[in-house]
Amino acid sequence: MTVEYQQSLPTILQMVADLCALDVEQIRPEGELLAYGLDSVLALDLIVAIEHRWQIDLPEHDPALRKVVTVRDLARLVDTRRVQS
């Protein structure tokens, strides 16, 4: 089974924009989350929102989550977890 990594991307782009008080047009898939002002508190808010939206678990100690740097990385992780659940 192949995973379509674009399924969650538009929603995650909007979530990041909302949390960072930016226009969604300012958020790029290859943009680093930290560059948009996503600090540890906002990152936790984002993870909780993602978990609720897609009913998946993304524990903070998860090695895959720790490798997320860009918005696209996060979308890939979310889409992979959605397929696995």
Protein backbone atom coordinates (compact mmCIF):
# COMPACT_ATOMS: atom_id res chain seq x y z
CA MET A 1 0.00 0.00 0.00
CA THR A 2 1.38 3.40 -0.95
CA VAL A 3 0.74 6.48 1.12
CA GLU A 4 -0.49 9.68 -0.51
CA TYR A 5 1.52 12.30 1.32
CA GLN A 6 -0.55 15.22 0.12
CA GLN A 7 -3.81 14.29 1.87
CA SER A 8 -3.22 16.17 5.10
CA LEU A 9 -0.95 18.88 3.71
CA PRO A 10 -3.57 21.60 3.03
CA THR A 11 -5.08 21.19 6.48
CA ILE A 12 -1.70 21.22 8.20
CA LEU A 13 -0.68 24.32 6.25
CA GLN A 14 -3.81 26.04 7.57
CA MET A 15 -3.22 24.79 11.12
CA VAL A 16 0.33 26.15 11.13
CA ALA A 17 -0.85 29.47 9.72
CA ASP A 18 -3.56 29.77 12.36
CA LEU A 19 -1.25 28.92 15.25
CA CYS A 20 1.48 31.26 14.06
CA ALA A 21 -0.94 34.09 13.19
CA LEU A 22 0.14 34.12 9.53
CA ASP A 23 -1.72 33.99 6.23
CA VAL A 24 -1.79 30.48 4.83
CA GLU A 25 -0.13 31.81 1.65
CA GLN A 26 2.97 32.55 3.76
CA ILE A 27 3.34 28.89 4.78
CA ARG A 28 5.28 26.70 2.35
CA PRO A 29 5.37 22.90 2.45
CA GLU A 30 9.19 22.95 2.50
CA GLY A 31 9.30 25.69 5.11
CA GLU A 32 10.81 24.82 8.47
CA LEU A 33 8.29 24.89 11.29
CA LEU A 34 10.65 26.85 13.53
CA ALA A 35 10.99 29.56 10.87
CA TYR A 36 7.28 30.30 11.19
CA GLY A 37 7.61 30.93 14.91
CA LEU A 38 6.41 27.52 16.05
CA ASP A 39 7.91 27.26 19.52
CA SER A 40 7.52 24.30 21.88
CA VAL A 41 4.15 25.48 23.22
CA LEU A 42 2.70 26.05 19.75
CA ALA A 43 4.17 22.75 18.57
CA LEU A 44 2.33 20.96 21.36
CA ASP A 45 -0.89 22.76 20.40
CA LEU A 46 -0.37 21.68 16.79
CA ILE A 47 0.24 18.05 17.74
CA VAL A 48 -2.87 17.97 19.94
CA ALA A 49 -4.95 19.50 17.13
CA ILE A 50 -3.60 16.94 14.65
CA GLU A 51 -4.29 14.06 17.03
CA HIS A 52 -7.87 15.23 17.49
CA ARG A 53 -8.46 15.99 13.80
CA TRP A 54 -7.26 12.61 12.52
CA GLN A 55 -7.65 10.43 15.63
CA ILE A 56 -4.00 9.38 15.64
CA ASP A 57 -1.31 9.29 18.33
CA LEU A 58 1.86 11.34 18.00
CA PRO A 59 3.61 10.93 21.35
CA GLU A 60 6.33 13.48 21.99
CA HIS A 61 8.92 10.73 22.55
CA ASP A 62 8.21 9.26 19.09
CA PRO A 63 11.50 9.17 17.12
CA ALA A 64 9.65 9.89 13.86
CA LEU A 65 8.14 13.06 15.33
CA ARG A 66 11.56 14.25 16.46
CA LYS A 67 12.76 14.05 12.83
CA VAL A 68 10.06 16.44 11.59
CA VAL A 69 11.56 19.72 10.40
CA THR A 70 9.27 20.99 7.63
CA VAL A 71 5.53 21.25 7.16
CA ARG A 72 5.77 18.53 4.49
CA ASP A 73 7.65 16.25 6.92
CA LEU A 74 4.78 16.62 9.35
CA ALA A 75 2.18 15.91 6.65
CA ARG A 76 4.07 12.77 5.63
CA LEU A 77 4.14 11.56 9.22
CA VAL A 78 0.44 12.28 9.69
CA ASP A 79 -0.54 10.54 6.46
CA THR A 80 1.61 7.52 7.32
CA ARG A 81 0.02 7.25 10.76
CA ARG A 82 -3.45 7.61 9.26
CA VAL A 83 -2.79 4.63 6.99
CA GLN A 84 -1.43 2.60 9.92
CA SER A 85 -4.41 3.24 12.17
